[in-house]
Amino acid sequence: MNLKTSAAVYQKEMLEIFRDRRTMISMVVVPLLAIPLLFSLINGFMTSREKEAQGEALTVGVLGEDKLPTVIEALKAAGFRPIAKADLRAAVEKKEVAAAVEETEDATGEKYVNVYIDRTRQASEIAGDKIQTALEKLKTDTVRASLRGSGLPEKILTPFTTKNVNVASEKKMSGLVFGSALGYVVILLMFTGAMYPAIDMTAGEKERRTLEAVLASPAGRNEIVLGKIAATATAAFITALLTLGSMAYSFRFSPQAASAQETFHMAPPDMGSLVLVLVTVIPTAIVAASLMVAIALFAKSYKEGMSYLTPIVMLAAFPAVVGMLPGLELTPALALIPIFNVCQLIKEIFLGEFSRVAYAVAFGANLVYAAIGFFVASKLFKSESVLFRV
């Protein structure tokens, strides 16, 4: 195999990639705009929804102002607006109130205060938590008043105070957020970024009647395939690079990210982690390129190629989603699963706790998958029935 010839094919394919508008949109525009737009949309939606939910959460249903007067006064002091409702459960279900409070009694005569909430609604969840806090305060104040009347010290109520202390660093907190979602985003955009070049280099060339000219050139079939796969992998890698760069820039400089850092005590991703992630995705970019070039060879037209490769992009999303699940650790055995291993590695790299053994196994396995993909694509490219099927 002559690498100079493959380099010439690579140069030709890269030139066509940069001339193709659809490829440039998927490879450059989408990664650069996706993360900032995602930050803005999520922050705007969450802020708007939070304000709306906070306002809705102030309504609480009661049977009447004369029922549970002490409880109602405590709720009013906490900022709630009690609304009389005949059927409290139905009022919560129909979203007439955020939550409802009712006193019940069991067979032994013990009294309970039931708080009705709808856990599918954010406003109802917020109202339930605030009502519980108000009722706990009312209970404590009532007991303290009884203790004062009995001459006992109030400290008997609180012999000690519990406090949760988060031992995770800001870097680890940000790693949890980035790693859980970024692997999925990078993989999805990488496959999307590789799809259009792969189709254009195969089905597109068939449609334009230029494939015959390429085959008639001095370049061998393996050299042509190597150049096409290298160009497609480059497009996928550029997509990953721009996605990570856009994410790093957005998290450091966008006002939405600044508020998220302050709220959740998160730190921007460090450059070392970003570089390691880029190295990690290189074999996966080659795998994606080899797979898509091999499948797109069967297509007779650009449209047919789209119908073949779009399901592949969707299939790649499934192991990527599994990699987002919390509680999973990348063992050497799991490191053999393609796509999943990369998503899990990205998460663990940002967390700062990835296993070097699992990393080596995943990297090596993906290189093997890339070699297999190149071998299959090369075999298919030598088949006249595949290239010129009718």
Protein backbone atom coordinates (compact mmCIF):
# COMPACT_ATOMS: atom_id res chain seq x y z
CA MET A 1 0.00 0.00 0.00
CA ASN A 2 1.37 3.39 -1.02
CA LEU A 3 0.69 5.93 1.74
CA LYS A 4 1.48 8.84 -0.58
CA THR A 5 -1.33 7.73 -2.86
CA SER A 6 -3.68 7.40 0.11
CA ALA A 7 -2.62 10.88 1.21
CA ALA A 8 -3.55 12.23 -2.22
CA VAL A 9 -6.98 10.58 -1.97
CA TYR A 10 -7.32 11.99 1.55
CA GLN A 11 -6.47 15.49 0.33
CA LYS A 12 -9.02 15.21 -2.47
CA GLU A 13 -11.77 14.00 -0.09
CA MET A 14 -11.02 16.71 2.48
CA LEU A 15 -11.28 19.35 -0.23
CA GLU A 16 -14.71 18.03 -1.18
CA ILE A 17 -15.75 17.93 2.48
CA PHE A 18 -14.98 21.62 2.91
CA ARG A 19 -16.86 22.41 -0.30
CA ASP A 20 -20.01 20.57 0.80
CA ARG A 21 -22.48 22.79 2.65
CA ARG A 22 -24.36 19.96 4.40
CA THR A 23 -21.14 18.47 5.71
CA MET A 24 -19.87 21.79 7.00
CA ILE A 25 -23.15 22.45 8.80
CA SER A 26 -23.09 19.08 10.58
CA MET A 27 -19.33 19.16 11.22
CA VAL A 28 -18.78 22.81 12.21
CA VAL A 29 -21.95 24.83 12.69
CA VAL A 30 -23.88 22.34 14.80
CA PRO A 31 -21.04 21.63 17.31
CA LEU A 32 -20.22 25.31 17.68
CA LEU A 33 -23.83 26.32 18.27
CA ALA A 34 -25.20 23.22 20.02
CA ILE A 35 -23.58 23.64 23.44
CA PRO A 36 -24.09 27.43 23.87
CA LEU A 37 -27.66 27.10 22.62
CA LEU A 38 -28.23 24.14 24.92
CA PHE A 39 -26.92 26.10 27.90
CA SER A 40 -29.13 29.06 27.09
CA LEU A 41 -32.28 27.02 26.47
CA ILE A 42 -31.89 24.86 29.58
CA ASN A 43 -31.08 27.81 31.81
CA GLY A 44 -33.93 29.91 30.38
CA PHE A 45 -36.42 27.09 30.66
CA MET A 46 -35.37 26.14 34.19
CA THR A 47 -35.41 29.76 35.39
CA SER A 48 -38.83 30.41 33.88
CA ARG A 49 -40.26 27.13 35.14
CA GLU A 50 -38.79 27.65 38.61
CA LYS A 51 -40.42 31.07 38.95
CA GLU A 52 -43.72 29.72 37.71
CA ALA A 53 -43.56 26.72 40.03
CA GLN A 54 -42.67 28.89 43.03
CA GLY A 55 -45.78 30.99 42.40
CA GLU A 56 -48.03 27.95 41.98
CA ALA A 57 -46.60 26.32 45.10
CA LEU A 58 -48.11 28.94 47.39
CA THR A 59 -51.67 27.60 47.01
CA VAL A 60 -52.71 24.94 49.53
CA GLY A 61 -56.10 23.30 49.84
CA VAL A 62 -57.90 22.98 53.20
CA LEU A 63 -61.39 21.89 54.17
CA GLY A 64 -62.15 25.29 55.67
CA GLU A 65 -60.69 28.15 57.69
CA ASP A 66 -62.33 26.77 60.85
CA LYS A 67 -60.57 23.41 60.38
CA LEU A 68 -57.06 23.08 61.84
CA PRO A 69 -56.82 26.79 62.73
CA THR A 70 -53.32 26.40 64.23
CA VAL A 71 -52.03 24.60 61.13
CA ILE A 72 -53.61 27.16 58.81
CA GLU A 73 -52.01 30.02 60.74
CA ALA A 74 -48.63 28.28 60.46
CA LEU A 75 -49.14 27.88 56.71
CA LYS A 76 -50.09 31.54 56.33
CA ALA A 77 -46.97 32.52 58.27
CA ALA A 78 -44.95 30.46 55.79
CA GLY A 79 -46.45 32.44 52.89
CA PHE A 80 -49.18 30.00 51.75
CA ARG A 81 -52.63 30.99 50.54
CA PRO A 82 -55.15 28.48 52.00
CA ILE A 83 -58.07 27.76 49.68
CA ALA A 84 -61.17 25.94 50.89
CA LYS A 85 -61.91 22.77 48.88
CA ALA A 86 -64.49 20.08 49.52
CA ASP A 87 -62.44 17.27 47.94
CA LEU A 88 -58.76 17.82 48.70
CA ARG A 89 -57.40 14.89 46.69
CA ALA A 90 -59.36 15.91 43.61
CA ALA A 91 -58.23 19.52 43.98
CA VAL A 92 -54.59 18.46 43.87
CA GLU A 93 -55.18 16.04 40.99
CA LYS A 94 -57.01 18.71 38.96
CA LYS A 95 -54.22 21.24 39.66
CA GLU A 96 -56.62 23.60 41.45
CA VAL A 97 -54.08 23.82 44.30
CA ALA A 98 -50.43 22.82 44.54
CA ALA A 99 -50.98 20.70 47.66
CA ALA A 100 -53.59 20.08 50.34
CA VAL A 101 -53.62 19.47 54.10
CA GLU A 102 -56.10 17.35 56.00
CA GLU A 103 -56.28 15.94 59.52
CA THR A 104 -57.19 12.24 59.86
CA GLU A 105 -57.45 9.81 62.74
CA ASP A 106 -56.73 6.07 62.87
CA ALA A 107 -58.61 3.35 64.77
CA THR A 108 -56.60 3.97 67.95
CA GLY A 109 -57.45 7.65 67.97
CA GLU A 110 -54.01 8.84 66.95
CA LYS A 111 -54.16 11.96 64.79
CA TYR A 112 -52.31 12.47 61.50
CA VAL A 113 -51.92 15.48 59.24
CA ASN A 114 -51.90 14.27 55.64
CA VAL A 115 -50.20 16.40 53.01
CA TYR A 116 -51.53 15.59 49.53
CA ILE A 117 -49.12 16.27 46.68
CA ASP A 118 -48.66 15.28 43.05
CA ARG A 119 -45.06 14.14 42.49
CA THR A 120 -45.37 14.61 38.74
CA ARG A 121 -45.63 18.38 39.24
CA GLN A 122 -42.71 20.53 40.30
CA ALA A 123 -44.96 23.08 42.01
CA SER A 124 -46.62 20.36 44.07
CA GLU A 125 -43.24 18.94 45.12
CA ILE A 126 -42.06 22.40 46.20
CA ALA A 127 -45.30 23.02 48.11
CA GLY A 128 -45.07 19.64 49.85
CA ASP A 129 -41.53 20.34 51.06
CA LYS A 130 -42.45 23.82 52.31
CA ILE A 131 -45.56 22.50 54.07
CA GLN A 132 -43.51 19.80 55.80
CA THR A 133 -41.06 22.46 56.97
CA ALA A 134 -43.89 24.66 58.29
CA LEU A 135 -45.53 21.74 60.10
CA GLU A 136 -42.23 20.63 61.63
CA LYS A 137 -41.73 24.17 62.93
CA LEU A 138 -45.27 24.20 64.32
CA LYS A 139 -44.68 20.84 66.01
CA THR A 140 -41.40 22.03 67.53
CA ASP A 141 -42.93 25.30 68.75
CA THR A 142 -45.83 23.40 70.33
CA VAL A 143 -43.50 21.03 72.18
CA ARG A 144 -41.29 23.90 73.31
CA ALA A 145 -44.30 25.70 74.74
CA SER A 146 -45.23 22.54 76.66
CA LEU A 147 -41.67 22.18 77.94
CA ARG A 148 -41.60 25.77 79.15
CA GLY A 149 -44.81 25.13 81.04
CA SER A 150 -43.27 22.05 82.64
CA GLY A 151 -40.07 23.84 83.61
CA LEU A 152 -37.88 21.60 81.41
CA PRO A 153 -35.05 23.05 79.24
CA GLU A 154 -35.76 23.42 75.52
CA LYS A 155 -32.38 21.89 74.67
CA ILE A 156 -33.87 18.50 75.35
CA LEU A 157 -35.48 18.73 71.92
CA THR A 158 -32.16 19.05 70.07
CA PRO A 159 -29.46 16.95 71.76
CA PHE A 160 -27.45 17.18 68.52
CA THR A 161 -27.71 18.64 65.00
CA THR A 162 -27.11 16.69 61.80
CA LYS A 163 -25.38 18.26 58.83
CA ASN A 164 -24.51 16.81 55.41
CA VAL A 165 -20.98 17.66 54.28
CA ASN A 166 -20.18 17.17 50.60
CA VAL A 167 -16.65 15.75 50.27
CA ALA A 168 -16.70 15.99 46.46
CA SER A 169 -14.54 18.77 45.04
CA GLU A 170 -15.81 21.38 42.60
CA LYS A 171 -13.91 19.55 39.86
CA LYS A 172 -15.66 16.29 40.69
CA MET A 173 -19.07 17.97 40.84
CA SER A 174 -18.55 19.51 37.42
CA GLY A 175 -17.19 16.19 36.16
CA LEU A 176 -20.40 14.46 37.17
CA VAL A 177 -22.46 16.95 35.15
CA PHE A 178 -20.14 17.06 32.13
CA GLY A 179 -19.29 13.38 32.01
CA SER A 180 -22.88 12.20 32.26
CA ALA A 181 -24.11 14.19 29.27
CA LEU A 182 -21.06 15.10 27.22
CA GLY A 183 -20.21 11.54 26.17
CA TYR A 184 -23.66 11.15 24.65
CA VAL A 185 -23.49 14.53 22.90
CA VAL A 186 -19.97 13.95 21.52
CA ILE A 187 -20.79 10.46 20.19
CA LEU A 188 -24.05 11.57 18.61
CA LEU A 189 -22.47 14.59 16.92
CA MET A 190 -19.43 12.56 15.83
CA PHE A 191 -21.60 10.02 14.04
CA THR A 192 -23.67 12.81 12.54
CA GLY A 193 -20.51 14.63 11.44
CA ALA A 194 -19.18 11.45 9.80
CA MET A 195 -22.43 10.54 8.10
CA TYR A 196 -22.52 13.20 5.38
CA PRO A 197 -18.88 12.80 4.26
CA ALA A 198 -19.26 8.99 4.20
CA ILE A 199 -22.33 9.24 1.96
CA ASP A 200 -20.78 11.86 -0.30
CA MET A 201 -17.58 9.82 -0.79
CA THR A 202 -19.51 6.68 -1.77
CA ALA A 203 -23.11 7.06 -2.90
CA GLY A 204 -22.46 10.68 -3.84
CA GLU A 205 -19.63 9.70 -6.15
CA LYS A 206 -21.82 7.04 -7.73
CA GLU A 207 -24.55 9.61 -8.30
CA ARG A 208 -22.13 12.14 -9.81
CA ARG A 209 -20.50 9.43 -11.97
CA THR A 210 -17.05 10.28 -10.59
CA LEU A 211 -16.37 6.94 -8.87
CA GLU A 212 -15.27 5.37 -12.15
CA ALA A 213 -12.61 8.08 -12.60
CA VAL A 214 -11.27 7.41 -9.09
CA LEU A 215 -11.14 3.66 -9.76
CA ALA A 216 -9.33 4.25 -13.05
CA SER A 217 -6.59 6.25 -11.32
CA PRO A 218 -3.26 4.64 -10.32
CA ALA A 219 -4.49 4.38 -6.72
CA GLY A 220 -5.27 0.88 -5.49
CA ARG A 221 -8.56 -0.07 -3.83
CA ASN A 222 -7.01 -0.26 -0.35
CA GLU A 223 -5.36 3.13 -0.82
CA ILE A 224 -8.65 4.69 -1.92
CA VAL A 225 -10.53 3.21 1.02
CA LEU A 226 -7.82 4.34 3.44
CA GLY A 227 -8.01 7.90 2.12
CA LYS A 228 -11.81 7.98 2.31
CA ILE A 229 -11.96 6.53 5.82
CA ALA A 230 -9.21 8.87 7.01
CA ALA A 231 -11.10 11.88 5.64
CA THR A 232 -14.38 10.72 7.21
CA ALA A 233 -12.62 10.08 10.54
CA THR A 234 -11.09 13.55 10.35
CA ALA A 235 -14.56 15.05 9.93
CA ALA A 236 -15.80 13.08 12.95
CA PHE A 237 -12.80 14.14 15.03
CA ILE A 238 -13.17 17.81 14.06
CA THR A 239 -16.81 17.57 15.19
CA ALA A 240 -15.70 16.18 18.56
CA LEU A 241 -12.98 18.84 18.86
CA LEU A 242 -15.39 21.69 18.15
CA THR A 243 -18.00 20.23 20.51
CA LEU A 244 -15.53 20.04 23.40
CA GLY A 245 -14.13 23.48 22.59
CA SER A 246 -17.60 24.98 22.45
CA MET A 247 -18.48 23.35 25.76
CA ALA A 248 -15.30 24.61 27.46
CA TYR A 249 -15.82 28.14 26.14
CA SER A 250 -19.50 28.21 27.08
CA PHE A 251 -18.87 27.00 30.61
CA ARG A 252 -16.14 29.52 31.22
CA PHE A 253 -17.67 32.64 29.69
CA SER A 254 -21.44 32.33 29.31
CA PRO A 255 -23.59 33.99 32.05
CA GLN A 256 -25.78 30.88 32.24
CA ALA A 257 -22.77 28.73 33.08
CA ALA A 258 -21.57 31.25 35.64
CA SER A 259 -24.84 30.98 37.53
CA ALA A 260 -24.67 27.17 37.33
CA GLN A 261 -21.13 27.18 38.73
CA GLU A 262 -22.20 29.38 41.64
CA THR A 263 -25.36 27.39 42.36
CA PHE A 264 -23.89 23.89 42.15
CA HIS A 265 -20.31 24.75 43.24
CA MET A 266 -18.82 23.55 39.96
CA ALA A 267 -15.49 24.34 38.34
CA PRO A 268 -14.75 24.67 34.60
CA PRO A 269 -13.19 21.58 32.99
CA ASP A 270 -9.40 21.60 32.99
CA MET A 271 -7.39 21.45 29.80
CA GLY A 272 -5.77 18.13 30.69
CA SER A 273 -9.13 16.36 30.86
CA LEU A 274 -10.24 17.86 27.54
CA VAL A 275 -7.04 16.73 25.79
CA LEU A 276 -7.37 13.21 27.24
CA VAL A 277 -10.98 13.02 26.03
CA LEU A 278 -9.88 14.04 22.53
CA VAL A 279 -7.27 11.27 22.50
CA THR A 280 -9.93 8.84 23.73
CA VAL A 281 -12.33 9.52 20.86
CA ILE A 282 -9.78 9.06 18.05
CA PRO A 283 -10.33 5.28 17.65
CA THR A 284 -14.09 5.78 17.88
CA ALA A 285 -13.92 8.35 15.08
CA ILE A 286 -12.15 5.74 12.92
CA VAL A 287 -14.74 3.11 13.88
CA ALA A 288 -17.58 5.46 12.94
CA ALA A 289 -15.89 6.34 9.65
CA SER A 290 -15.17 2.71 8.70
CA LEU A 291 -18.69 1.58 9.59
CA MET A 292 -20.39 4.36 7.69
CA VAL A 293 -18.20 4.12 4.60
CA ALA A 294 -18.79 0.35 4.47
CA ILE A 295 -22.58 0.67 4.76
CA ALA A 296 -22.83 3.68 2.43
CA LEU A 297 -21.07 1.68 -0.30
CA PHE A 298 -24.29 -0.28 -0.78
CA ALA A 299 -26.28 2.87 -1.57
CA LYS A 300 -26.86 3.90 -5.18
CA SER A 301 -27.78 7.52 -4.38
CA TYR A 302 -27.31 10.15 -1.71
CA LYS A 303 -30.93 9.76 -0.59
CA GLU A 304 -30.56 6.00 -0.26
CA GLY A 305 -27.35 6.49 1.71
CA MET A 306 -29.21 8.74 4.15
CA SER A 307 -31.82 6.04 4.70
CA TYR A 308 -29.07 3.50 5.44
CA LEU A 309 -26.98 5.60 7.82
CA THR A 310 -29.63 7.50 9.79
CA PRO A 311 -30.63 4.34 11.72
CA ILE A 312 -26.92 3.74 12.46
CA VAL A 313 -26.71 7.13 14.15
CA MET A 314 -29.79 6.32 16.21
CA LEU A 315 -28.40 2.88 17.14
CA ALA A 316 -25.17 4.51 18.32
CA ALA A 317 -27.21 6.60 20.74
CA PHE A 318 -28.37 3.56 22.76
CA PRO A 319 -25.00 2.49 24.24
CA ALA A 320 -24.19 6.19 24.64
CA VAL A 321 -27.33 6.62 26.79
CA VAL A 322 -26.35 3.60 28.90
CA GLY A 323 -22.99 5.27 29.49
CA MET A 324 -24.83 8.23 31.05
CA LEU A 325 -26.39 6.08 33.80
CA PRO A 326 -25.08 6.80 37.31
CA GLY A 327 -23.38 4.14 39.41
CA LEU A 328 -21.64 2.36 36.52
CA GLU A 329 -17.88 1.81 36.60
CA LEU A 330 -15.78 0.89 33.59
CA THR A 331 -14.29 -2.53 34.28
CA PRO A 332 -11.91 -4.24 31.81
CA ALA A 333 -14.83 -6.44 30.68
CA LEU A 334 -17.18 -3.49 30.08
CA ALA A 335 -14.33 -1.66 28.34
CA LEU A 336 -14.76 -4.08 25.42
CA ILE A 337 -18.24 -2.72 24.58
CA PRO A 338 -17.90 -0.17 21.74
CA ILE A 339 -19.32 3.34 22.13
CA PHE A 340 -20.37 2.58 25.71
CA ASN A 341 -16.72 2.35 26.73
CA VAL A 342 -15.96 5.79 25.30
CA CYS A 343 -18.96 7.44 26.99
CA GLN A 344 -18.05 5.84 30.30
CA LEU A 345 -14.40 6.85 29.91
CA ILE A 346 -15.37 10.45 29.20
CA LYS A 347 -17.46 10.51 32.37
CA GLU A 348 -14.70 8.99 34.50
CA ILE A 349 -12.03 11.26 32.99
CA PHE A 350 -13.99 14.35 34.03
CA LEU A 351 -14.60 12.78 37.46
CA GLY A 352 -10.84 12.21 37.73
CA GLU A 353 -11.17 8.56 38.73
CA PHE A 354 -10.77 6.47 35.56
CA SER A 355 -8.87 3.17 35.67
CA ARG A 356 -5.70 3.11 33.58
CA VAL A 357 -6.19 -0.58 32.88
CA ALA A 358 -9.78 -0.06 31.70
CA TYR A 359 -8.61 2.93 29.63
CA ALA A 360 -5.93 0.84 27.92
CA VAL A 361 -8.39 -2.00 27.26
CA ALA A 362 -11.03 0.36 25.84
CA PHE A 363 -8.50 2.22 23.67
CA GLY A 364 -7.01 -1.02 22.37
CA ALA A 365 -10.42 -2.59 21.75
CA ASN A 366 -11.56 0.43 19.75
CA LEU A 367 -8.38 0.28 17.65
CA VAL A 368 -9.16 -3.37 16.90
CA TYR A 369 -12.74 -2.46 15.95
CA ALA A 370 -11.36 0.28 13.70
CA ALA A 371 -9.04 -2.20 11.97
CA ILE A 372 -11.93 -4.64 11.49
CA GLY A 373 -14.06 -1.84 10.04
CA PHE A 374 -11.29 -0.86 7.61
CA PHE A 375 -10.86 -4.50 6.55
CA VAL A 376 -14.60 -4.91 5.89
CA ALA A 377 -14.82 -1.60 3.99
CA SER A 378 -11.79 -2.57 1.91
CA LYS A 379 -13.31 -5.94 1.03
CA LEU A 380 -16.58 -4.32 0.02
CA PHE A 381 -14.79 -1.71 -2.08
CA LYS A 382 -13.16 -4.52 -4.08
CA SER A 383 -16.55 -6.05 -4.86
CA GLU A 384 -17.88 -4.90 -8.22
CA SER A 385 -21.38 -6.13 -7.32
CA VAL A 386 -21.41 -3.73 -4.36
CA LEU A 387 -19.93 -0.75 -6.16
CA PHE A 388 -22.04 -1.01 -9.28
CA ARG A 389 -25.13 -2.84 -8.12
CA VAL A 390 -28.32 -2.05 -10.02
